[in-house]
């Protein structure tokens, strides 16, 4: 998997009514070196939704890393997969869902 490493920041551009997601804070002139994504919200009624979307996107690298750590911890703490299926079905299902979520975020790489 290849993506721009985190952390990512949500930088508000009030003039254009957008929020840019970037791995670097703006330089002294307010310019961004790189933009990963832009969240548009050109209506005041969308402001809260746009800000929430931008925060979620900016948190993606950190969330992915923590999800991988949770997966590792769960697998270390719980019995082997064969036992988990019968004795810990909820944990087994959760681990499978975590694998799916990571694969979705990474294009298949866990």
PDB file of N, CA and C in Angstrom:
ATOM      1  N   UNK A   1       0.832  -1.166   0.000  1.00  0.00           N
ATOM      2  CA  UNK A   1       0.000   0.000   0.000  1.00  0.00           C
ATOM      3  C   UNK A   1       0.878   1.231   0.000  1.00  0.00           C
ATOM      4  N   UNK A   2       0.447   2.178  -0.739  1.00  0.00           N
ATOM      5  CA  UNK A   2       1.190   3.424  -0.782  1.00  0.00           C
ATOM      6  C   UNK A   2       0.222   4.587  -0.564  1.00  0.00           C
ATOM      7  N   UNK A   3       0.523   5.383   0.419  1.00  0.00           N
ATOM      8  CA  UNK A   3      -0.225   6.620   0.641  1.00  0.00           C
ATOM      9  C   UNK A   3       0.712   7.617   1.321  1.00  0.00           C
ATOM     10  N   UNK A   4       0.340   8.867   1.286  1.00  0.00           N
ATOM     11  CA  UNK A   4       1.132   9.891   1.943  1.00  0.00           C
ATOM     12  C   UNK A   4       1.087   9.649   3.440  1.00  0.00           C
ATOM     13  N   UNK A   5       2.248   9.506   4.072  1.00  0.00           N
ATOM     14  CA  UNK A   5       2.242   9.244   5.511  1.00  0.00           C
ATOM     15  C   UNK A   5       1.611  10.397   6.295  1.00  0.00           C
ATOM     16  N   UNK A   6       1.050  10.051   7.428  1.00  0.00           N
ATOM     17  CA  UNK A   6       0.454  11.056   8.293  1.00  0.00           C
ATOM     18  C   UNK A   6       1.508  11.699   9.160  1.00  0.00           C
ATOM     19  N   UNK A   7       1.190  12.650   9.952  1.00  0.00           N
ATOM     20  CA  UNK A   7      -0.175  13.114  10.151  1.00  0.00           C
ATOM     21  C   UNK A   7      -0.658  13.985   8.995  1.00  0.00           C
ATOM     22  N   UNK A   8      -1.965  14.048   8.847  1.00  0.00           N
ATOM     23  CA  UNK A   8      -2.600  14.943   7.885  1.00  0.00           C
ATOM     24  C   UNK A   8      -3.321  16.036   8.656  1.00  0.00           C
ATOM     25  N   UNK A   9      -3.462  17.175   8.026  1.00  0.00           N
ATOM     26  CA  UNK A   9      -4.105  18.328   8.658  1.00  0.00           C
ATOM     27  C   UNK A   9      -5.253  18.820   7.785  1.00  0.00           C
ATOM     28  N   UNK A  10      -6.296  19.314   8.416  1.00  0.00           N
ATOM     29  CA  UNK A  10      -7.404  19.958   7.721  1.00  0.00           C
ATOM     30  C   UNK A  10      -7.166  21.461   7.819  1.00  0.00           C
ATOM     31  N   UNK A  11      -6.944  22.095   6.675  1.00  0.00           N
ATOM     32  CA  UNK A  11      -6.622  23.519   6.635  1.00  0.00           C
ATOM     33  C   UNK A  11      -7.777  24.256   5.962  1.00  0.00           C
ATOM     34  N   UNK A  12      -8.395  25.154   6.710  1.00  0.00           N
ATOM     35  CA  UNK A  12      -9.559  25.888   6.225  1.00  0.00           C
ATOM     36  C   UNK A  12      -9.133  27.051   5.330  1.00  0.00           C
ATOM     37  N   UNK A  13      -9.736  27.150   4.157  1.00  0.00           N
ATOM     38  CA  UNK A  13      -9.514  28.276   3.253  1.00  0.00           C
ATOM     39  C   UNK A  13     -10.837  29.019   3.130  1.00  0.00           C
ATOM     40  N   UNK A  14     -11.038  29.993   4.019  1.00  0.00           N
ATOM     41  CA  UNK A  14     -12.315  30.695   4.071  1.00  0.00           C
ATOM     42  C   UNK A  14     -12.644  31.422   2.774  1.00  0.00           C
ATOM     43  N   UNK A  15     -11.613  31.916   2.068  1.00  0.00           N
ATOM     44  CA  UNK A  15     -11.860  32.657   0.838  1.00  0.00           C
ATOM     45  C   UNK A  15     -12.543  31.787  -0.214  1.00  0.00           C
ATOM     46  N   UNK A  16     -12.125  30.530  -0.315  1.00  0.00           N
ATOM     47  CA  UNK A  16     -12.695  29.644  -1.323  1.00  0.00           C
ATOM     48  C   UNK A  16     -13.774  28.728  -0.752  1.00  0.00           C
ATOM     49  N   UNK A  17     -14.054  28.834   0.532  1.00  0.00           N
ATOM     50  CA  UNK A  17     -15.044  28.008   1.217  1.00  0.00           C
ATOM     51  C   UNK A  17     -14.739  26.523   1.055  1.00  0.00           C
ATOM     52  N   UNK A  18     -13.462  26.170   1.230  1.00  0.00           N
ATOM     53  CA  UNK A  18     -13.045  24.775   1.146  1.00  0.00           C
ATOM     54  C   UNK A  18     -12.137  24.451   2.322  1.00  0.00           C
ATOM     55  N   UNK A  19     -11.967  23.161   2.560  1.00  0.00           N
ATOM     56  CA  UNK A  19     -10.992  22.700   3.533  1.00  0.00           C
ATOM     57  C   UNK A  19     -10.075  21.739   2.796  1.00  0.00           C
ATOM     58  N   UNK A  20      -8.784  22.034   2.804  1.00  0.00           N
ATOM     59  CA  UNK A  20      -7.794  21.180   2.166  1.00  0.00           C
ATOM     60  C   UNK A  20      -7.207  20.222   3.188  1.00  0.00           C
ATOM     61  N   UNK A  21      -6.994  18.981   2.778  1.00  0.00           N
ATOM     62  CA  UNK A  21      -6.340  17.990   3.606  1.00  0.00           C
ATOM     63  C   UNK A  21      -4.904  17.906   3.107  1.00  0.00           C
ATOM     64  N   UNK A  22      -3.953  18.106   4.012  1.00  0.00           N
ATOM     65  CA  UNK A  22      -2.552  18.219   3.610  1.00  0.00           C
ATOM     66  C   UNK A  22      -1.639  17.561   4.644  1.00  0.00           C
ATOM     67  N   UNK A  23      -0.497  17.036   4.184  1.00  0.00           N
ATOM     68  CA  UNK A  23       0.455  16.467   5.145  1.00  0.00           C
ATOM     69  C   UNK A  23       1.345  17.522   5.791  1.00  0.00           C
ATOM     70  N   UNK A  24       1.253  18.751   5.314  1.00  0.00           N
ATOM     71  CA  UNK A  24       2.115  19.829   5.821  1.00  0.00           C
ATOM     72  C   UNK A  24       1.257  21.054   6.123  1.00  0.00           C
ATOM     73  N   UNK A  25       1.582  21.718   7.185  1.00  0.00           N
ATOM     74  CA  UNK A  25       0.890  22.971   7.472  1.00  0.00           C
ATOM     75  C   UNK A  25       1.340  24.031   6.470  1.00  0.00           C
ATOM     76  N   UNK A  26       0.525  25.058   6.243  1.00  0.00           N
ATOM     77  CA  UNK A  26       0.898  26.096   5.276  1.00  0.00           C
ATOM     78  C   UNK A  26       2.220  26.773   5.631  1.00  0.00           C
ATOM     79  N   UNK A  27       2.939  27.214   4.599  1.00  0.00           N
ATOM     80  CA  UNK A  27       4.189  27.940   4.822  1.00  0.00           C
ATOM     81  C   UNK A  27       3.871  29.374   5.240  1.00  0.00           C
ATOM     82  N   UNK A  28       4.888  30.189   5.353  1.00  0.00           N
ATOM     83  CA  UNK A  28       4.720  31.564   5.797  1.00  0.00           C
ATOM     84  C   UNK A  28       3.790  32.394   4.929  1.00  0.00           C
ATOM     85  N   UNK A  29       3.667  32.032   3.645  1.00  0.00           N
ATOM     86  CA  UNK A  29       2.781  32.749   2.733  1.00  0.00           C
ATOM     87  C   UNK A  29       1.379  32.147   2.704  1.00  0.00           C
ATOM     88  N   UNK A  30       1.147  31.142   3.522  1.00  0.00           N
ATOM     89  CA  UNK A  30      -0.159  30.503   3.545  1.00  0.00           C
ATOM     90  C   UNK A  30      -0.350  29.474   2.445  1.00  0.00           C
ATOM     91  N   UNK A  31       0.731  29.143   1.730  1.00  0.00           N
ATOM     92  CA  UNK A  31       0.652  28.173   0.639  1.00  0.00           C
ATOM     93  C   UNK A  31       0.837  26.756   1.162  1.00  0.00           C
ATOM     94  N   UNK A  32       0.174  25.826   0.522  1.00  0.00           N
ATOM     95  CA  UNK A  32       0.316  24.410   0.874  1.00  0.00           C
ATOM     96  C   UNK A  32       1.274  23.749  -0.101  1.00  0.00           C
ATOM     97  N   UNK A  33       2.179  22.925   0.427  1.00  0.00           N
ATOM     98  CA  UNK A  33       3.126  22.205  -0.410  1.00  0.00           C
ATOM     99  C   UNK A  33       2.417  21.118  -1.205  1.00  0.00           C
ATOM    100  N   UNK A  34       1.455  20.448  -0.576  1.00  0.00           N
ATOM    101  CA  UNK A  34       0.748  19.346  -1.214  1.00  0.00           C
ATOM    102  C   UNK A  34      -0.646  19.269  -0.644  1.00  0.00           C
ATOM    103  N   UNK A  35      -1.612  18.999  -1.497  1.00  0.00           N
ATOM    104  CA  UNK A  35      -2.983  18.789  -1.052  1.00  0.00           C
ATOM    105  C   UNK A  35      -3.371  17.363  -1.378  1.00  0.00           C
ATOM    106  N   UNK A  36      -3.843  16.636  -0.388  1.00  0.00           N
ATOM    107  CA  UNK A  36      -4.279  15.254  -0.572  1.00  0.00           C
ATOM    108  C   UNK A  36      -5.720  15.222  -1.048  1.00  0.00           C
ATOM    109  N   UNK A  37      -6.549  16.064  -0.462  1.00  0.00           N
ATOM    110  CA  UNK A  37      -7.968  16.108  -0.810  1.00  0.00           C
ATOM    111  C   UNK A  37      -8.496  17.507  -0.502  1.00  0.00           C
ATOM    112  N   UNK A  38      -9.571  17.856  -1.168  1.00  0.00           N
ATOM    113  CA  UNK A  38     -10.245  19.117  -0.895  1.00  0.00           C
ATOM    114  C   UNK A  38     -11.706  18.805  -0.625  1.00  0.00           C
ATOM    115  N   UNK A  39     -12.215  19.336   0.472  1.00  0.00           N
ATOM    116  CA  UNK A  39     -13.613  19.149   0.829  1.00  0.00           C
ATOM    117  C   UNK A  39     -14.314  20.480   0.572  1.00  0.00           C
ATOM    118  N   UNK A  40     -15.282  20.440  -0.332  1.00  0.00           N
ATOM    119  CA  UNK A  40     -15.983  21.653  -0.737  1.00  0.00           C
ATOM    120  C   UNK A  40     -17.256  21.822   0.067  1.00  0.00           C
ATOM    121  N   UNK A  41     -17.582  23.042   0.373  1.00  0.00           N
ATOM    122  CA  UNK A  41     -18.833  23.346   1.062  1.00  0.00           C
ATOM    123  C   UNK A  41     -19.189  24.783   0.822  1.00  0.00           C
ATOM    124  N   UNK A  42     -19.745  25.066  -0.354  1.00  0.00           N
ATOM    125  CA  UNK A  42     -19.969  26.457  -0.723  1.00  0.00           C
ATOM    126  C   UNK A  42     -21.314  27.011  -0.262  1.00  0.00           C
ATOM    127  N   UNK A  43     -21.968  26.305   0.681  1.00  0.00           N
ATOM    128  CA  UNK A  43     -23.200  26.822   1.269  1.00  0.00           C
ATOM    129  C   UNK A  43     -23.052  26.815   2.784  1.00  0.00           C
ATOM    130  N   UNK A  44     -23.460  27.866   3.440  1.00  0.00           N
ATOM    131  CA  UNK A  44     -23.348  27.915   4.904  1.00  0.00           C
ATOM    132  C   UNK A  44     -24.023  26.733   5.590  1.00  0.00           C
ATOM    133  N   UNK A  45     -25.081  26.211   5.013  1.00  0.00           N
ATOM    134  CA  UNK A  45     -25.799  25.096   5.639  1.00  0.00           C
ATOM    135  C   UNK A  45     -24.966  23.810   5.658  1.00  0.00           C
ATOM    136  N   UNK A  46     -23.915  23.735   4.849  1.00  0.00           N
ATOM    137  CA  UNK A  46     -23.064  22.550   4.783  1.00  0.00           C
ATOM    138  C   UNK A  46     -21.821  22.658   5.658  1.00  0.00           C
ATOM    139  N   UNK A  47     -21.621  23.786   6.321  1.00  0.00           N
ATOM    140  CA  UNK A  47     -20.371  24.031   7.048  1.00  0.00           C
ATOM    141  C   UNK A  47     -20.037  22.923   8.052  1.00  0.00           C
ATOM    142  N   UNK A  48     -20.973  22.531   8.885  1.00  0.00           N
ATOM    143  CA  UNK A  48     -20.697  21.516   9.903  1.00  0.00           C
ATOM    144  C   UNK A  48     -20.366  20.166   9.263  1.00  0.00           C
ATOM    145  N   UNK A  49     -21.073  19.812   8.204  1.00  0.00           N
ATOM    146  CA  UNK A  49     -20.819  18.545   7.522  1.00  0.00           C
ATOM    147  C   UNK A  49     -19.449  18.556   6.853  1.00  0.00           C
ATOM    148  N   UNK A  50     -19.118  19.638   6.198  1.00  0.00           N
ATOM    149  CA  UNK A  50     -17.826  19.753   5.527  1.00  0.00           C
ATOM    150  C   UNK A  50     -16.691  19.685   6.537  1.00  0.00           C
ATOM    151  N   UNK A  51     -16.833  20.371   7.663  1.00  0.00           N
ATOM    152  CA  UNK A  51     -15.791  20.333   8.696  1.00  0.00           C
ATOM    153  C   UNK A  51     -15.651  18.928   9.266  1.00  0.00           C
ATOM    154  N   UNK A  52     -16.759  18.239   9.480  1.00  0.00           N
ATOM    155  CA  UNK A  52     -16.713  16.866   9.983  1.00  0.00           C
ATOM    156  C   UNK A  52     -16.054  15.926   8.983  1.00  0.00           C
ATOM    157  N   UNK A  53     -16.402  16.069   7.699  1.00  0.00           N
ATOM    158  CA  UNK A  53     -15.787  15.242   6.656  1.00  0.00           C
ATOM    159  C   UNK A  53     -14.282  15.483   6.600  1.00  0.00           C
ATOM    160  N   UNK A  54     -13.886  16.737   6.680  1.00  0.00           N
ATOM    161  CA  UNK A  54     -12.454  17.074   6.611  1.00  0.00           C
ATOM    162  C   UNK A  54     -11.701  16.500   7.808  1.00  0.00           C
ATOM    163  N   UNK A  55     -12.284  16.589   9.003  1.00  0.00           N
ATOM    164  CA  UNK A  55     -11.627  16.016  10.188  1.00  0.00           C
ATOM    165  C   UNK A  55     -11.462  14.506  10.049  1.00  0.00           C
ATOM    166  N   UNK A  56     -12.489  13.836   9.534  1.00  0.00           N
ATOM    167  CA  UNK A  56     -12.423  12.388   9.356  1.00  0.00           C
ATOM    168  C   UNK A  56     -11.350  12.001   8.343  1.00  0.00           C
ATOM    169  N   UNK A  57     -11.289  12.697   7.230  1.00  0.00           N
ATOM    170  CA  UNK A  57     -10.260  12.406   6.223  1.00  0.00           C
ATOM    171  C   UNK A  57      -8.869  12.663   6.796  1.00  0.00           C
ATOM    172  N   UNK A  58      -8.703  13.777   7.490  1.00  0.00           N
ATOM    173  CA  UNK A  58      -7.389  14.116   8.054  1.00  0.00           C
ATOM    174  C   UNK A  58      -6.940  13.086   9.090  1.00  0.00           C
ATOM    175  N   UNK A  59      -7.879  12.461   9.771  1.00  0.00           N
ATOM    176  CA  UNK A  59      -7.545  11.470  10.797  1.00  0.00           C
ATOM    177  C   UNK A  59      -7.252  10.086  10.216  1.00  0.00           C
ATOM    178  N   UNK A  60      -7.468   9.880   8.925  1.00  0.00           N
ATOM    179  CA  UNK A  60      -7.362   8.550   8.315  1.00  0.00           C
ATOM    180  C   UNK A  60      -6.044   7.827   8.594  1.00  0.00           C
ATOM    181  N   UNK A  61      -4.870   8.429   8.404  1.00  0.00           N
ATOM    182  CA  UNK A  61      -3.637   7.677   8.671  1.00  0.00           C
ATOM    183  C   UNK A  61      -3.517   7.227  10.125  1.00  0.00           C
ATOM    184  N   UNK A  62      -3.910   8.087  11.048  1.00  0.00           N
ATOM    185  CA  UNK A  62      -3.842   7.750  12.463  1.00  0.00           C
ATOM    186  C   UNK A  62      -4.844   6.637  12.796  1.00  0.00           C
ATOM    187  N   UNK A  63      -6.046   6.725  12.246  1.00  0.00           N
ATOM    188  CA  UNK A  63      -7.057   5.691  12.484  1.00  0.00           C
ATOM    189  C   UNK A  63      -6.603   4.338  11.940  1.00  0.00           C
ATOM    190  N   UNK A  64      -6.010   4.341  10.766  1.00  0.00           N
ATOM    191  CA  UNK A  64      -5.522   3.094  10.179  1.00  0.00           C
ATOM    192  C   UNK A  64      -4.436   2.468  11.051  1.00  0.00           C
ATOM    193  N   UNK A  65      -3.516   3.274  11.521  1.00  0.00           N
ATOM    194  CA  UNK A  65      -2.454   2.767  12.388  1.00  0.00           C
ATOM    195  C   UNK A  65      -2.991   2.188  13.690  1.00  0.00           C
ATOM    196  N   UNK A  66      -3.938   2.874  14.281  1.00  0.00           N
ATOM    197  CA  UNK A  66      -4.513   2.390  15.540  1.00  0.00           C
ATOM    198  C   UNK A  66      -5.356   1.136  15.317  1.00  0.00           C
ATOM    199  N   UNK A  67      -6.037   1.043  14.179  1.00  0.00           N
ATOM    200  CA  UNK A  67      -6.812  -0.150  13.877  1.00  0.00           C
ATOM    201  C   UNK A  67      -5.891  -1.360  13.714  1.00  0.00           C
ATOM    202  N   UNK A  68      -4.747  -1.157  13.080  1.00  0.00           N
ATOM    203  CA  UNK A  68      -3.771  -2.244  12.957  1.00  0.00           C
ATOM    204  C   UNK A  68      -3.249  -2.676  14.329  1.00  0.00           C
ATOM    205  N   UNK A  69      -3.007  -1.705  15.212  1.00  0.00           N
ATOM    206  CA  UNK A  69      -2.544  -2.040  16.566  1.00  0.00           C
ATOM    207  C   UNK A  69      -3.613  -2.802  17.335  1.00  0.00           C
ATOM    208  N   UNK A  70      -4.872  -2.398  17.191  1.00  0.00           N
ATOM    209  CA  UNK A  70      -5.975  -3.115  17.853  1.00  0.00           C
ATOM    210  C   UNK A  70      -6.064  -4.545  17.346  1.00  0.00           C
ATOM    211  N   UNK A  71      -5.925  -4.725  16.054  1.00  0.00           N
ATOM    212  CA  UNK A  71      -5.979  -6.063  15.469  1.00  0.00           C
ATOM    213  C   UNK A  71      -4.879  -6.939  16.048  1.00  0.00           C
ATOM    214  N   UNK A  72      -3.692  -6.410  16.100  1.00  0.00           N
ATOM    215  CA  UNK A  72      -2.560  -7.161  16.640  1.00  0.00           C
ATOM    216  C   UNK A  72      -2.789  -7.526  18.103  1.00  0.00           C
ATOM    217  N   UNK A  73      -3.272  -6.572  18.877  1.00  0.00           N
ATOM    218  CA  UNK A  73      -3.534  -6.815  20.295  1.00  0.00           C
ATOM    219  C   UNK A  73      -4.620  -7.870  20.484  1.00  0.00           C
ATOM    220  N   UNK A  74      -5.705  -7.763  19.724  1.00  0.00           N
ATOM    221  CA  UNK A  74      -6.779  -8.756  19.828  1.00  0.00           C
ATOM    222  C   UNK A  74      -6.279 -10.151  19.492  1.00  0.00           C
ATOM    223  N   UNK A  75      -5.505 -10.238  18.446  1.00  0.00           N
ATOM    224  CA  UNK A  75      -5.003 -11.556  18.041  1.00  0.00           C
ATOM    225  C   UNK A  75      -4.046 -12.133  19.083  1.00  0.00           C
ATOM    226  N   UNK A  76      -3.282 -11.271  19.736  1.00  0.00           N
ATOM    227  CA  UNK A  76      -2.370 -11.739  20.784  1.00  0.00           C
ATOM    228  C   UNK A  76      -3.112 -12.166  22.051  1.00  0.00           C
ATOM    229  N   UNK A  77      -4.201 -11.485  22.386  1.00  0.00           N
ATOM    230  CA  UNK A  77      -4.918 -11.742  23.624  1.00  0.00           C
ATOM    231  C   UNK A  77      -5.914 -12.896  23.533  1.00  0.00           C
ATOM    232  N   UNK A  78      -6.425 -13.144  22.341  1.00  0.00           N
ATOM    233  CA  UNK A  78      -7.471 -14.150  22.194  1.00  0.00           C
ATOM    234  C   UNK A  78      -6.901 -15.489  21.757  1.00  0.00           C
ATOM    235  N   UNK A  79      -7.670 -16.557  21.945  1.00  0.00           N
ATOM    236  CA  UNK A  79      -7.199 -17.881  21.534  1.00  0.00           C
ATOM    237  C   UNK A  79      -6.984 -17.950  20.022  1.00  0.00           C
ATOM    238  N   UNK A  80      -6.406 -19.035  19.587  1.00  0.00           N
ATOM    239  CA  UNK A  80      -6.140 -19.256  18.164  1.00  0.00           C
ATOM    240  C   UNK A  80      -7.436 -19.168  17.353  1.00  0.00           C
ATOM    241  N   UNK A  81      -7.340 -18.817  16.062  1.00  0.00           N
ATOM    242  CA  UNK A  81      -8.542 -18.627  15.242  1.00  0.00           C
ATOM    243  C   UNK A  81      -9.538 -19.786  15.275  1.00  0.00           C
ATOM    244  N   UNK A  82      -9.048 -21.008  15.299  1.00  0.00           N
ATOM    245  CA  UNK A  82      -9.962 -22.144  15.298  1.00  0.00           C
ATOM    246  C   UNK A  82     -10.808 -22.166  16.574  1.00  0.00           C
ATOM    247  N   UNK A  83     -10.177 -21.847  17.704  1.00  0.00           N
ATOM    248  CA  UNK A  83     -10.883 -21.814  18.996  1.00  0.00           C
ATOM    249  C   UNK A  83     -11.808 -20.607  19.048  1.00  0.00           C
ATOM    250  N   UNK A  84     -11.329 -19.480  18.518  1.00  0.00           N
ATOM    251  CA  UNK A  84     -12.087 -18.233  18.544  1.00  0.00           C
ATOM    252  C   UNK A  84     -13.446 -18.400  17.858  1.00  0.00           C
ATOM    253  N   UNK A  85     -13.471 -19.154  16.774  1.00  0.00           N
ATOM    254  CA  UNK A  85     -14.714 -19.325  16.015  1.00  0.00           C
ATOM    255  C   UNK A  85     -15.802 -19.953  16.877  1.00  0.00           C
ATOM    256  N   UNK A  86     -15.432 -20.879  17.727  1.00  0.00           N
ATOM    257  CA  UNK A  86     -16.434 -21.574  18.530  1.00  0.00           C
ATOM    258  C   UNK A  86     -16.610 -20.988  19.921  1.00  0.00           C
ATOM    259  N   UNK A  87     -15.511 -20.598  20.577  1.00  0.00           N
ATOM    260  CA  UNK A  87     -15.596 -20.107  21.959  1.00  0.00           C
ATOM    261  C   UNK A  87     -15.759 -18.592  22.052  1.00  0.00           C
ATOM    262  N   UNK A  88     -15.288 -17.884  21.066  1.00  0.00           N
ATOM    263  CA  UNK A  88     -15.355 -16.412  21.073  1.00  0.00           C
ATOM    264  C   UNK A  88     -15.899 -15.924  19.727  1.00  0.00           C
ATOM    265  N   UNK A  89     -17.140 -16.289  19.371  1.00  0.00           N
ATOM    266  CA  UNK A  89     -17.630 -15.934  18.033  1.00  0.00           C
ATOM    267  C   UNK A  89     -17.707 -14.425  17.787  1.00  0.00           C
ATOM    268  N   UNK A  90     -18.042 -13.640  18.824  1.00  0.00           N
ATOM    269  CA  UNK A  90     -18.110 -12.190  18.642  1.00  0.00           C
ATOM    270  C   UNK A  90     -16.725 -11.612  18.370  1.00  0.00           C
ATOM    271  N   UNK A  91     -15.721 -12.106  19.084  1.00  0.00           N
ATOM    272  CA  UNK A  91     -14.345 -11.643  18.860  1.00  0.00           C
ATOM    273  C   UNK A  91     -13.881 -12.069  17.477  1.00  0.00           C
ATOM    274  N   UNK A  92     -14.215 -13.288  17.085  1.00  0.00           N
ATOM    275  CA  UNK A  92     -13.835 -13.772  15.759  1.00  0.00           C
ATOM    276  C   UNK A  92     -14.460 -12.883  14.677  1.00  0.00           C
ATOM    277  N   UNK A  93     -15.740 -12.556  14.845  1.00  0.00           N
ATOM    278  CA  UNK A  93     -16.426 -11.705  13.873  1.00  0.00           C
ATOM    279  C   UNK A  93     -15.805 -10.313  13.834  1.00  0.00           C
ATOM    280  N   UNK A  94     -15.467  -9.762  15.001  1.00  0.00           N
ATOM    281  CA  UNK A  94     -14.854  -8.437  15.056  1.00  0.00           C
ATOM    282  C   UNK A  94     -13.502  -8.426  14.347  1.00  0.00           C
ATOM    283  N   UNK A  95     -12.704  -9.433  14.583  1.00  0.00           N
ATOM    284  CA  UNK A  95     -11.394  -9.513  13.925  1.00  0.00           C
ATOM    285  C   UNK A  95     -11.568  -9.586  12.416  1.00  0.00           C
ATOM    286  N   UNK A  96     -12.531 -10.372  11.952  1.00  0.00           N
ATOM    287  CA  UNK A  96     -12.792 -10.459  10.511  1.00  0.00           C
ATOM    288  C   UNK A  96     -13.215  -9.096   9.956  1.00  0.00           C
ATOM    289  N   UNK A  97     -14.039  -8.363  10.693  1.00  0.00           N
ATOM    290  CA  UNK A  97     -14.474  -7.031  10.255  1.00  0.00           C
ATOM    291  C   UNK A  97     -13.303  -6.054  10.214  1.00  0.00           C
ATOM    292  N   UNK A  98     -12.404  -6.153  11.181  1.00  0.00           N
ATOM    293  CA  UNK A  98     -11.231  -5.275  11.188  1.00  0.00           C
ATOM    294  C   UNK A  98     -10.355  -5.569   9.969  1.00  0.00           C
ATOM    295  N   UNK A  99     -10.149  -6.845   9.671  1.00  0.00           N
ATOM    296  CA  UNK A  99      -9.386  -7.202   8.471  1.00  0.00           C
ATOM    297  C   UNK A  99     -10.039  -6.608   7.226  1.00  0.00           C
ATOM    298  N   UNK A 100     -11.357  -6.688   7.125  1.00  0.00           N
ATOM    299  CA  UNK A 100     -12.067  -6.142   5.969  1.00  0.00           C
ATOM    300  C   UNK A 100     -11.902  -4.621   5.876  1.00  0.00           C
ATOM    301  N   UNK A 101     -11.996  -3.950   7.014  1.00  0.00           N
ATOM    302  CA  UNK A 101     -11.882  -2.487   7.015  1.00  0.00           C
ATOM    303  C   UNK A 101     -10.470  -2.060   6.596  1.00  0.00           C
ATOM    304  N   UNK A 102      -9.459  -2.749   7.097  1.00  0.00           N
ATOM    305  CA  UNK A 102      -8.083  -2.414   6.704  1.00  0.00           C
ATOM    306  C   UNK A 102      -7.862  -2.693   5.229  1.00  0.00           C
ATOM    307  N   UNK A 103      -8.379  -3.817   4.749  1.00  0.00           N
ATOM    308  CA  UNK A 103      -8.235  -4.152   3.325  1.00  0.00           C
ATOM    309  C   UNK A 103      -8.943  -3.105   2.458  1.00  0.00           C
ATOM    310  N   UNK A 104     -10.098  -2.625   2.897  1.00  0.00           N
ATOM    311  CA  UNK A 104     -10.810  -1.599   2.143  1.00  0.00           C
ATOM    312  C   UNK A 104     -10.001  -0.303   2.084  1.00  0.00           C
ATOM    313  N   UNK A 105      -9.382   0.054   3.197  1.00  0.00           N
ATOM    314  CA  UNK A 105      -8.607   1.296   3.257  1.00  0.00           C
ATOM    315  C   UNK A 105      -7.297   1.213   2.485  1.00  0.00           C
ATOM    316  N   UNK A 106      -6.764   0.009   2.355  1.00  0.00           N
ATOM    317  CA  UNK A 106      -5.416  -0.139   1.766  1.00  0.00           C
ATOM    318  C   UNK A 106      -5.419  -0.785   0.393  1.00  0.00           C
ATOM    319  N   UNK A 107      -6.576  -1.134  -0.115  1.00  0.00           N
ATOM    320  CA  UNK A 107      -6.622  -1.807  -1.409  1.00  0.00           C
ATOM    321  C   UNK A 107      -6.247  -3.276  -1.311  1.00  0.00           C
ATOM    322  N   UNK A 108      -6.423  -3.851  -0.141  1.00  0.00           N
ATOM    323  CA  UNK A 108      -6.179  -5.279   0.038  1.00  0.00           C
ATOM    324  C   UNK A 108      -5.061  -5.638   0.975  1.00  0.00           C
ATOM    325  N   UNK A 109      -4.168  -4.724   1.267  1.00  0.00           N
ATOM    326  CA  UNK A 109      -3.034  -5.020   2.158  1.00  0.00           C
ATOM    327  C   UNK A 109      -3.438  -4.844   3.608  1.00  0.00           C
ATOM    328  N   UNK A 110      -3.141  -5.832   4.424  1.00  0.00           N
ATOM    329  CA  UNK A 110      -3.449  -5.727   5.856  1.00  0.00           C
ATOM    330  C   UNK A 110      -2.163  -5.578   6.575  1.00  0.00           C
TER     331      UNK A 110
END
